[in-house]
Amino acid sequence: MAATYEKIATSTISGSSTTSISFINIPATYTDLVAVFNGGGSNPANVQTQVNSDTGSNYSTLSIYAVSGSVASPAYANNTVMYTAGVAGSLPTTISAMAIMQFMNYANTTTYKTVLSRYSAAAIETTTNVSLWRNTAAISTIRFFSYSQAFLAGSTFTLYGILKA
């Protein structure tokens, strides 16, 4: 990573039944956050994201994806989650999928929060998403989870802070 990236934390899945990873007490000392997922799943599903324990219908996601030779662009409004990886299809059953999620201005308390994410699973699909959390609170907790599958042992989530220039 570039010198402006500072690793905050890494979480590695060690068991076969983990469906959720959380980063808590995120310091407000950076301009943006970048989360990187490298992994796979036990069954087809999405990696979903919630912030600050908000389970209300305060999230929206617009996706564009290509999978198995077809392209689509679904929109999800007033959702209880953001879709940040694997929106169109399945995570592979090996550690071969990657997602990069950028949380813009996460500590700003005057604007809604935008998340840009890119996801790719070799020979399966590629997805780009833009998500919005309609809340002006600073993000201090991020939860990544799947509603229907476990992440494979060895999958990792790493959270980086972008240092102020």
N, C-alpha and C. Protein backbone atom coordinates (compact mmCIF):
# COMPACT_ATOMS: atom_id res chain seq x y z
N MET A 1 0.84 -1.18 0.00
CA MET A 1 0.00 0.00 0.00
C MET A 1 0.88 1.25 0.00
N ALA A 2 0.34 2.32 -0.50
CA ALA A 2 1.06 3.59 -0.55
C ALA A 2 1.37 4.08 0.86
N ALA A 3 2.33 4.98 0.96
CA ALA A 3 2.76 5.50 2.25
C ALA A 3 1.65 6.24 2.98
N THR A 4 0.62 6.65 2.26
CA THR A 4 -0.48 7.36 2.91
C THR A 4 -1.49 6.40 3.55
N TYR A 5 -1.34 5.11 3.33
CA TYR A 5 -2.21 4.12 3.94
C TYR A 5 -1.59 3.66 5.24
N GLU A 6 -2.40 3.57 6.29
CA GLU A 6 -1.94 3.06 7.57
C GLU A 6 -2.88 1.93 7.99
N LYS A 7 -2.30 0.74 8.19
CA LYS A 7 -3.14 -0.39 8.58
C LYS A 7 -3.69 -0.16 9.98
N ILE A 8 -5.00 -0.27 10.11
CA ILE A 8 -5.66 -0.13 11.40
C ILE A 8 -5.82 -1.50 12.05
N ALA A 9 -6.32 -2.48 11.27
CA ALA A 9 -6.53 -3.82 11.82
C ALA A 9 -6.74 -4.82 10.70
N THR A 10 -6.42 -6.08 10.99
CA THR A 10 -6.71 -7.19 10.09
C THR A 10 -7.43 -8.27 10.88
N SER A 11 -8.45 -8.85 10.27
CA SER A 11 -9.16 -9.95 10.89
C SER A 11 -9.11 -11.13 9.92
N THR A 12 -8.58 -12.25 10.40
CA THR A 12 -8.48 -13.46 9.59
C THR A 12 -9.45 -14.50 10.12
N ILE A 13 -10.24 -15.06 9.22
CA ILE A 13 -11.22 -16.08 9.61
C ILE A 13 -10.46 -17.36 9.96
N SER A 14 -10.67 -17.87 11.18
CA SER A 14 -9.95 -19.06 11.59
C SER A 14 -10.85 -20.29 11.67
N GLY A 15 -12.15 -20.09 11.73
CA GLY A 15 -13.06 -21.23 11.81
C GLY A 15 -13.93 -21.34 10.58
N SER A 16 -14.78 -22.35 10.57
CA SER A 16 -15.60 -22.58 9.38
C SER A 16 -17.02 -22.05 9.53
N SER A 17 -17.35 -21.39 10.63
CA SER A 17 -18.72 -20.94 10.83
C SER A 17 -18.83 -19.42 11.01
N THR A 18 -17.78 -18.69 10.71
CA THR A 18 -17.81 -17.24 10.88
C THR A 18 -18.57 -16.59 9.74
N THR A 19 -19.60 -15.83 10.08
CA THR A 19 -20.41 -15.13 9.09
C THR A 19 -20.34 -13.62 9.23
N SER A 20 -19.59 -13.12 10.24
CA SER A 20 -19.56 -11.69 10.49
C SER A 20 -18.21 -11.26 11.05
N ILE A 21 -17.72 -10.13 10.56
CA ILE A 21 -16.49 -9.53 11.06
C ILE A 21 -16.78 -8.05 11.33
N SER A 22 -16.36 -7.55 12.49
CA SER A 22 -16.59 -6.15 12.82
C SER A 22 -15.29 -5.45 13.18
N PHE A 23 -15.18 -4.21 12.76
CA PHE A 23 -14.12 -3.33 13.21
C PHE A 23 -14.79 -2.28 14.07
N ILE A 24 -14.35 -2.17 15.34
CA ILE A 24 -14.98 -1.25 16.28
C ILE A 24 -13.97 -0.21 16.76
N ASN A 25 -14.48 0.86 17.32
CA ASN A 25 -13.66 1.95 17.84
C ASN A 25 -12.69 2.47 16.79
N ILE A 26 -13.18 2.68 15.58
CA ILE A 26 -12.33 3.20 14.50
C ILE A 26 -12.00 4.66 14.81
N PRO A 27 -10.72 5.00 14.87
CA PRO A 27 -10.36 6.38 15.20
C PRO A 27 -10.77 7.34 14.08
N ALA A 28 -11.09 8.57 14.44
CA ALA A 28 -11.53 9.58 13.47
C ALA A 28 -10.36 10.43 12.99
N THR A 29 -9.18 9.84 12.89
CA THR A 29 -7.96 10.59 12.59
C THR A 29 -7.52 10.53 11.14
N TYR A 30 -8.33 9.92 10.28
CA TYR A 30 -7.98 9.77 8.87
C TYR A 30 -8.99 10.53 8.01
N THR A 31 -8.66 10.71 6.74
CA THR A 31 -9.62 11.35 5.84
C THR A 31 -10.61 10.33 5.29
N ASP A 32 -10.14 9.13 4.95
CA ASP A 32 -10.98 8.07 4.40
C ASP A 32 -10.53 6.73 4.97
N LEU A 33 -11.37 5.74 4.77
CA LEU A 33 -11.02 4.36 5.14
C LEU A 33 -11.06 3.49 3.90
N VAL A 34 -10.21 2.47 3.87
CA VAL A 34 -10.22 1.47 2.81
C VAL A 34 -10.23 0.10 3.48
N ALA A 35 -11.23 -0.70 3.13
CA ALA A 35 -11.30 -2.07 3.62
C ALA A 35 -11.02 -3.00 2.45
N VAL A 36 -10.21 -4.03 2.69
CA VAL A 36 -9.86 -5.00 1.65
C VAL A 36 -10.28 -6.38 2.14
N PHE A 37 -11.05 -7.07 1.31
CA PHE A 37 -11.49 -8.44 1.59
C PHE A 37 -10.81 -9.36 0.60
N ASN A 38 -10.15 -10.39 1.10
CA ASN A 38 -9.60 -11.47 0.28
C ASN A 38 -10.18 -12.75 0.83
N GLY A 39 -10.96 -13.45 0.04
CA GLY A 39 -11.52 -14.66 0.60
C GLY A 39 -12.45 -15.41 -0.31
N GLY A 40 -13.25 -16.20 0.33
CA GLY A 40 -14.23 -17.03 -0.34
C GLY A 40 -15.32 -17.39 0.64
N GLY A 41 -16.32 -18.10 0.14
CA GLY A 41 -17.44 -18.46 0.99
C GLY A 41 -17.85 -19.90 0.80
N SER A 42 -18.62 -20.40 1.74
CA SER A 42 -19.05 -21.79 1.69
C SER A 42 -20.21 -22.01 0.73
N ASN A 43 -20.98 -20.97 0.42
CA ASN A 43 -22.12 -21.04 -0.49
C ASN A 43 -22.26 -19.69 -1.20
N PRO A 44 -23.04 -19.63 -2.26
CA PRO A 44 -23.28 -18.35 -2.92
C PRO A 44 -23.93 -17.35 -1.97
N ALA A 45 -23.45 -16.12 -1.98
CA ALA A 45 -24.02 -15.07 -1.13
C ALA A 45 -23.34 -13.74 -1.39
N ASN A 46 -23.80 -12.73 -0.71
CA ASN A 46 -23.22 -11.40 -0.80
C ASN A 46 -22.45 -11.07 0.47
N VAL A 47 -21.43 -10.21 0.33
CA VAL A 47 -20.82 -9.59 1.50
C VAL A 47 -21.59 -8.30 1.69
N GLN A 48 -22.21 -8.17 2.85
CA GLN A 48 -23.02 -7.00 3.16
C GLN A 48 -22.33 -6.17 4.23
N THR A 49 -22.68 -4.90 4.29
CA THR A 49 -22.01 -3.99 5.22
C THR A 49 -23.04 -3.12 5.94
N GLN A 50 -22.81 -2.95 7.24
CA GLN A 50 -23.56 -1.99 8.05
C GLN A 50 -22.56 -1.18 8.86
N VAL A 51 -22.91 0.05 9.16
CA VAL A 51 -22.03 0.89 9.96
C VAL A 51 -22.75 1.36 11.21
N ASN A 52 -21.96 1.57 12.26
CA ASN A 52 -22.44 2.10 13.54
C ASN A 52 -23.68 1.35 14.06
N SER A 53 -23.76 0.06 13.81
CA SER A 53 -24.87 -0.78 14.28
C SER A 53 -26.22 -0.31 13.76
N ASP A 54 -26.25 0.42 12.66
CA ASP A 54 -27.49 0.91 12.07
C ASP A 54 -28.14 -0.19 11.25
N THR A 55 -29.28 -0.69 11.70
CA THR A 55 -30.00 -1.74 10.99
C THR A 55 -31.26 -1.19 10.33
N GLY A 56 -31.41 0.14 10.29
CA GLY A 56 -32.57 0.76 9.65
C GLY A 56 -32.43 0.78 8.14
N SER A 57 -33.47 1.23 7.48
CA SER A 57 -33.49 1.30 6.01
C SER A 57 -32.82 2.59 5.53
N ASN A 58 -31.55 2.75 5.88
CA ASN A 58 -30.81 3.99 5.62
C ASN A 58 -29.70 3.84 4.60
N TYR A 59 -29.71 2.72 3.87
CA TYR A 59 -28.65 2.44 2.91
C TYR A 59 -29.22 2.31 1.50
N SER A 60 -28.43 2.71 0.53
CA SER A 60 -28.77 2.48 -0.89
C SER A 60 -27.51 2.04 -1.61
N THR A 61 -27.67 1.19 -2.61
CA THR A 61 -26.54 0.72 -3.42
C THR A 61 -26.95 0.69 -4.88
N LEU A 62 -26.09 1.19 -5.74
CA LEU A 62 -26.24 1.06 -7.18
C LEU A 62 -25.07 0.22 -7.66
N SER A 63 -25.36 -0.84 -8.38
CA SER A 63 -24.33 -1.78 -8.83
C SER A 63 -24.28 -1.84 -10.35
N ILE A 64 -23.13 -2.21 -10.85
CA ILE A 64 -23.01 -2.64 -12.23
C ILE A 64 -22.11 -3.87 -12.19
N TYR A 65 -22.58 -4.95 -12.81
CA TYR A 65 -21.79 -6.17 -12.75
C TYR A 65 -21.84 -6.93 -14.05
N ALA A 66 -20.82 -7.75 -14.22
CA ALA A 66 -20.75 -8.68 -15.35
C ALA A 66 -20.51 -10.06 -14.76
N VAL A 67 -21.37 -10.99 -15.16
CA VAL A 67 -21.24 -12.37 -14.69
C VAL A 67 -21.73 -13.30 -15.80
N SER A 68 -20.97 -14.32 -16.08
CA SER A 68 -21.33 -15.33 -17.08
C SER A 68 -21.79 -14.71 -18.40
N GLY A 69 -21.10 -13.68 -18.86
CA GLY A 69 -21.39 -13.09 -20.16
C GLY A 69 -22.54 -12.11 -20.19
N SER A 70 -23.17 -11.83 -19.05
CA SER A 70 -24.26 -10.85 -19.03
C SER A 70 -23.89 -9.69 -18.12
N VAL A 71 -24.52 -8.55 -18.39
CA VAL A 71 -24.26 -7.33 -17.61
C VAL A 71 -25.58 -6.83 -17.07
N ALA A 72 -25.58 -6.31 -15.85
CA ALA A 72 -26.78 -5.74 -15.25
C ALA A 72 -26.39 -4.58 -14.35
N SER A 73 -27.38 -3.77 -14.01
CA SER A 73 -27.14 -2.61 -13.15
C SER A 73 -28.33 -2.43 -12.20
N PRO A 74 -28.43 -3.27 -11.18
CA PRO A 74 -29.55 -3.14 -10.25
C PRO A 74 -29.33 -2.01 -9.24
N ALA A 75 -30.42 -1.48 -8.73
CA ALA A 75 -30.38 -0.46 -7.68
C ALA A 75 -31.16 -0.97 -6.47
N TYR A 76 -30.63 -0.71 -5.30
CA TYR A 76 -31.25 -1.13 -4.05
C TYR A 76 -31.43 0.11 -3.19
N ALA A 77 -32.65 0.58 -3.05
CA ALA A 77 -32.92 1.80 -2.28
C ALA A 77 -33.56 1.46 -0.94
N ASN A 78 -33.30 2.31 0.05
CA ASN A 78 -33.90 2.17 1.38
C ASN A 78 -33.72 0.76 1.94
N ASN A 79 -32.50 0.27 1.84
CA ASN A 79 -32.14 -1.06 2.30
C ASN A 79 -31.62 -1.02 3.73
N THR A 80 -31.52 -2.18 4.37
CA THR A 80 -30.95 -2.26 5.71
C THR A 80 -29.46 -2.61 5.68
N VAL A 81 -28.89 -2.75 4.47
CA VAL A 81 -27.46 -3.07 4.28
C VAL A 81 -26.95 -2.38 3.02
N MET A 82 -25.62 -2.27 2.93
CA MET A 82 -24.95 -1.93 1.68
C MET A 82 -24.42 -3.22 1.11
N TYR A 83 -24.48 -3.39 -0.21
CA TYR A 83 -23.88 -4.55 -0.87
C TYR A 83 -22.49 -4.12 -1.34
N THR A 84 -21.46 -4.76 -0.80
CA THR A 84 -20.10 -4.33 -1.10
C THR A 84 -19.27 -5.38 -1.81
N ALA A 85 -19.76 -6.60 -1.92
CA ALA A 85 -19.02 -7.64 -2.65
C ALA A 85 -19.95 -8.78 -3.00
N GLY A 86 -19.70 -9.41 -4.11
CA GLY A 86 -20.44 -10.59 -4.51
C GLY A 86 -21.91 -10.34 -4.79
N VAL A 87 -22.26 -9.14 -5.21
CA VAL A 87 -23.66 -8.79 -5.41
C VAL A 87 -24.33 -9.67 -6.46
N ALA A 88 -23.63 -9.97 -7.56
CA ALA A 88 -24.28 -10.64 -8.67
C ALA A 88 -24.29 -12.15 -8.57
N GLY A 89 -23.33 -12.71 -7.91
CA GLY A 89 -23.24 -14.17 -7.93
C GLY A 89 -22.66 -14.73 -6.66
N SER A 90 -21.80 -15.69 -6.79
CA SER A 90 -21.31 -16.41 -5.62
C SER A 90 -19.84 -16.13 -5.36
N LEU A 91 -19.49 -16.21 -4.11
CA LEU A 91 -18.08 -16.20 -3.75
C LEU A 91 -17.54 -17.59 -4.07
N PRO A 92 -16.32 -17.68 -4.56
CA PRO A 92 -15.79 -19.00 -4.88
C PRO A 92 -15.52 -19.80 -3.61
N THR A 93 -15.40 -21.10 -3.76
CA THR A 93 -15.14 -21.96 -2.60
C THR A 93 -13.65 -22.10 -2.32
N THR A 94 -12.87 -21.20 -2.88
CA THR A 94 -11.46 -21.08 -2.56
C THR A 94 -11.18 -19.62 -2.24
N ILE A 95 -10.03 -19.35 -1.67
CA ILE A 95 -9.67 -17.97 -1.33
C ILE A 95 -9.20 -17.29 -2.61
N SER A 96 -10.15 -16.82 -3.42
CA SER A 96 -9.76 -16.24 -4.70
C SER A 96 -10.61 -15.04 -5.10
N ALA A 97 -11.38 -14.50 -4.19
CA ALA A 97 -12.18 -13.30 -4.47
C ALA A 97 -11.57 -12.13 -3.72
N MET A 98 -11.73 -10.93 -4.30
CA MET A 98 -11.18 -9.74 -3.66
C MET A 98 -12.15 -8.59 -3.80
N ALA A 99 -12.30 -7.82 -2.74
CA ALA A 99 -13.11 -6.61 -2.77
C ALA A 99 -12.32 -5.49 -2.11
N ILE A 100 -12.42 -4.30 -2.68
CA ILE A 100 -11.83 -3.10 -2.10
C ILE A 100 -12.96 -2.12 -1.89
N MET A 101 -13.12 -1.65 -0.64
CA MET A 101 -14.21 -0.76 -0.28
C MET A 101 -13.64 0.54 0.27
N GLN A 102 -14.01 1.66 -0.31
CA GLN A 102 -13.51 2.97 0.10
C GLN A 102 -14.63 3.75 0.79
N PHE A 103 -14.43 4.08 2.04
CA PHE A 103 -15.38 4.84 2.83
C PHE A 103 -14.92 6.30 2.82
N MET A 104 -15.61 7.13 2.05
CA MET A 104 -15.19 8.52 1.85
C MET A 104 -15.64 9.41 3.00
N ASN A 105 -14.76 10.30 3.44
CA ASN A 105 -15.10 11.29 4.48
C ASN A 105 -15.83 10.66 5.66
N TYR A 106 -15.36 9.51 6.10
CA TYR A 106 -16.06 8.73 7.11
C TYR A 106 -16.22 9.44 8.45
N ALA A 107 -15.32 10.39 8.76
CA ALA A 107 -15.37 11.08 10.05
C ALA A 107 -16.09 12.43 9.97
N ASN A 108 -16.47 12.86 8.78
CA ASN A 108 -17.17 14.12 8.60
C ASN A 108 -18.56 14.01 9.22
N THR A 109 -18.97 15.00 9.98
CA THR A 109 -20.28 14.94 10.65
C THR A 109 -21.31 15.88 10.02
N THR A 110 -21.05 16.32 8.79
CA THR A 110 -22.02 17.19 8.11
C THR A 110 -22.54 16.61 6.81
N THR A 111 -22.04 15.44 6.40
CA THR A 111 -22.48 14.86 5.13
C THR A 111 -22.84 13.38 5.30
N TYR A 112 -23.68 12.89 4.38
CA TYR A 112 -23.94 11.46 4.31
C TYR A 112 -22.67 10.77 3.84
N LYS A 113 -22.55 9.49 4.09
CA LYS A 113 -21.32 8.75 3.78
C LYS A 113 -21.48 7.93 2.49
N THR A 114 -20.48 8.07 1.61
CA THR A 114 -20.45 7.34 0.35
C THR A 114 -19.40 6.25 0.42
N VAL A 115 -19.73 5.07 -0.11
CA VAL A 115 -18.80 3.94 -0.15
C VAL A 115 -18.71 3.47 -1.59
N LEU A 116 -17.49 3.44 -2.13
CA LEU A 116 -17.23 2.89 -3.45
C LEU A 116 -16.60 1.52 -3.25
N SER A 117 -17.11 0.51 -3.95
CA SER A 117 -16.53 -0.83 -3.80
C SER A 117 -16.37 -1.49 -5.15
N ARG A 118 -15.30 -2.26 -5.24
CA ARG A 118 -15.00 -3.04 -6.43
C ARG A 118 -14.75 -4.48 -5.98
N TYR A 119 -15.35 -5.40 -6.71
CA TYR A 119 -15.27 -6.80 -6.34
C TYR A 119 -14.94 -7.62 -7.58
N SER A 120 -14.10 -8.63 -7.40
CA SER A 120 -13.77 -9.50 -8.51
C SER A 120 -13.49 -10.91 -7.99
N ALA A 121 -14.08 -11.87 -8.68
CA ALA A 121 -13.77 -13.28 -8.44
C ALA A 121 -13.35 -13.84 -9.78
N ALA A 122 -12.14 -14.31 -9.87
CA ALA A 122 -11.57 -14.77 -11.14
C ALA A 122 -12.52 -15.70 -11.88
N ALA A 123 -12.76 -15.40 -13.15
CA ALA A 123 -13.58 -16.20 -14.05
C ALA A 123 -15.04 -16.33 -13.63
N ILE A 124 -15.48 -15.56 -12.63
CA ILE A 124 -16.88 -15.63 -12.20
C ILE A 124 -17.60 -14.32 -12.47
N GLU A 125 -17.11 -13.24 -11.87
CA GLU A 125 -17.79 -11.96 -12.02
C GLU A 125 -16.89 -10.80 -11.62
N THR A 126 -17.32 -9.62 -12.02
CA THR A 126 -16.72 -8.38 -11.55
C THR A 126 -17.86 -7.41 -11.28
N THR A 127 -17.75 -6.67 -10.20
CA THR A 127 -18.82 -5.78 -9.76
C THR A 127 -18.22 -4.46 -9.27
N THR A 128 -18.90 -3.37 -9.60
CA THR A 128 -18.59 -2.06 -9.04
C THR A 128 -19.86 -1.51 -8.41
N ASN A 129 -19.75 -1.00 -7.19
CA ASN A 129 -20.90 -0.48 -6.46
C ASN A 129 -20.62 0.92 -5.95
N VAL A 130 -21.65 1.71 -5.86
CA VAL A 130 -21.59 2.96 -5.10
C VAL A 130 -22.75 2.87 -4.10
N SER A 131 -22.42 3.05 -2.83
CA SER A 131 -23.42 2.94 -1.77
C SER A 131 -23.47 4.24 -0.99
N LEU A 132 -24.60 4.47 -0.37
CA LEU A 132 -24.80 5.66 0.45
C LEU A 132 -25.40 5.25 1.77
N TRP A 133 -24.83 5.77 2.85
CA TRP A 133 -25.43 5.64 4.18
C TRP A 133 -26.00 7.00 4.51
N ARG A 134 -27.31 7.08 4.63
CA ARG A 134 -27.96 8.36 4.87
C ARG A 134 -27.95 8.70 6.35
N ASN A 135 -26.78 9.15 6.80
CA ASN A 135 -26.58 9.56 8.18
C ASN A 135 -25.34 10.45 8.21
N THR A 136 -25.34 11.47 9.06
CA THR A 136 -24.19 12.37 9.13
C THR A 136 -23.22 12.02 10.25
N ALA A 137 -23.51 10.99 11.02
CA ALA A 137 -22.61 10.59 12.11
C ALA A 137 -21.28 10.09 11.56
N ALA A 138 -20.21 10.31 12.29
CA ALA A 138 -18.91 9.74 11.93
C ALA A 138 -19.00 8.22 12.06
N ILE A 139 -18.36 7.51 11.15
CA ILE A 139 -18.35 6.04 11.21
C ILE A 139 -17.30 5.59 12.21
N SER A 140 -17.74 4.84 13.22
CA SER A 140 -16.81 4.32 14.23
C SER A 140 -16.81 2.79 14.28
N THR A 141 -17.78 2.17 13.63
CA THR A 141 -17.88 0.72 13.60
C THR A 141 -18.32 0.28 12.20
N ILE A 142 -17.66 -0.74 11.65
CA ILE A 142 -18.06 -1.32 10.37
C ILE A 142 -18.22 -2.82 10.57
N ARG A 143 -19.35 -3.33 10.11
CA ARG A 143 -19.61 -4.76 10.20
C ARG A 143 -19.78 -5.32 8.78
N PHE A 144 -18.99 -6.34 8.45
CA PHE A 144 -19.10 -7.08 7.19
C PHE A 144 -19.70 -8.44 7.52
N PHE A 145 -20.70 -8.85 6.77
CA PHE A 145 -21.33 -10.13 7.10
C PHE A 145 -22.02 -10.73 5.89
N SER A 146 -22.44 -11.96 6.06
CA SER A 146 -23.23 -12.66 5.07
C SER A 146 -24.44 -13.24 5.77
N TYR A 147 -25.60 -13.10 5.16
CA TYR A 147 -26.82 -13.62 5.78
C TYR A 147 -27.00 -15.12 5.55
N SER A 148 -26.26 -15.70 4.59
CA SER A 148 -26.56 -17.09 4.24
C SER A 148 -25.36 -18.01 4.14
N GLN A 149 -24.18 -17.56 4.49
CA GLN A 149 -23.02 -18.42 4.32
C GLN A 149 -21.93 -18.06 5.31
N ALA A 150 -21.00 -18.95 5.48
CA ALA A 150 -19.82 -18.69 6.29
C ALA A 150 -18.67 -18.33 5.38
N PHE A 151 -17.81 -17.44 5.85
CA PHE A 151 -16.58 -17.14 5.11
C PHE A 151 -15.61 -18.30 5.30
N LEU A 152 -14.85 -18.61 4.27
CA LEU A 152 -13.89 -19.70 4.37
C LEU A 152 -12.77 -19.37 5.34
N ALA A 153 -12.29 -20.37 6.04
CA ALA A 153 -11.12 -20.19 6.91
C ALA A 153 -9.97 -19.67 6.05
N GLY A 154 -9.27 -18.68 6.55
CA GLY A 154 -8.17 -18.05 5.82
C GLY A 154 -8.57 -16.76 5.14
N SER A 155 -9.88 -16.50 4.99
CA SER A 155 -10.34 -15.23 4.42
C SER A 155 -9.91 -14.09 5.35
N THR A 156 -9.57 -12.95 4.76
CA THR A 156 -9.14 -11.81 5.58
C THR A 156 -9.91 -10.55 5.23
N PHE A 157 -10.12 -9.73 6.23
CA PHE A 157 -10.61 -8.37 6.10
C PHE A 157 -9.55 -7.48 6.72
N THR A 158 -9.06 -6.49 5.97
CA THR A 158 -8.06 -5.55 6.50
C THR A 158 -8.60 -4.15 6.33
N LEU A 159 -8.48 -3.35 7.38
CA LEU A 159 -8.95 -1.97 7.37
C LEU A 159 -7.76 -1.03 7.42
N TYR A 160 -7.72 -0.10 6.47
CA TYR A 160 -6.66 0.92 6.38
C TYR A 160 -7.27 2.30 6.57
N GLY A 161 -6.49 3.19 7.17
CA GLY A 161 -6.86 4.60 7.21
C GLY A 161 -6.01 5.35 6.21
N ILE A 162 -6.61 6.31 5.53
CA ILE A 162 -5.86 7.18 4.60
C ILE A 162 -5.43 8.38 5.42
N LEU A 163 -4.13 8.59 5.53
CA LEU A 163 -3.61 9.69 6.33
C LEU A 163 -3.91 11.02 5.69
N LYS A 164 -4.15 12.02 6.54
CA LYS A 164 -4.40 13.37 6.05
C LYS A 164 -3.15 13.91 5.38
N ALA A 165 -3.34 14.62 4.28
CA ALA A 165 -2.20 15.18 3.55
C ALA A 165 -1.67 16.42 4.26
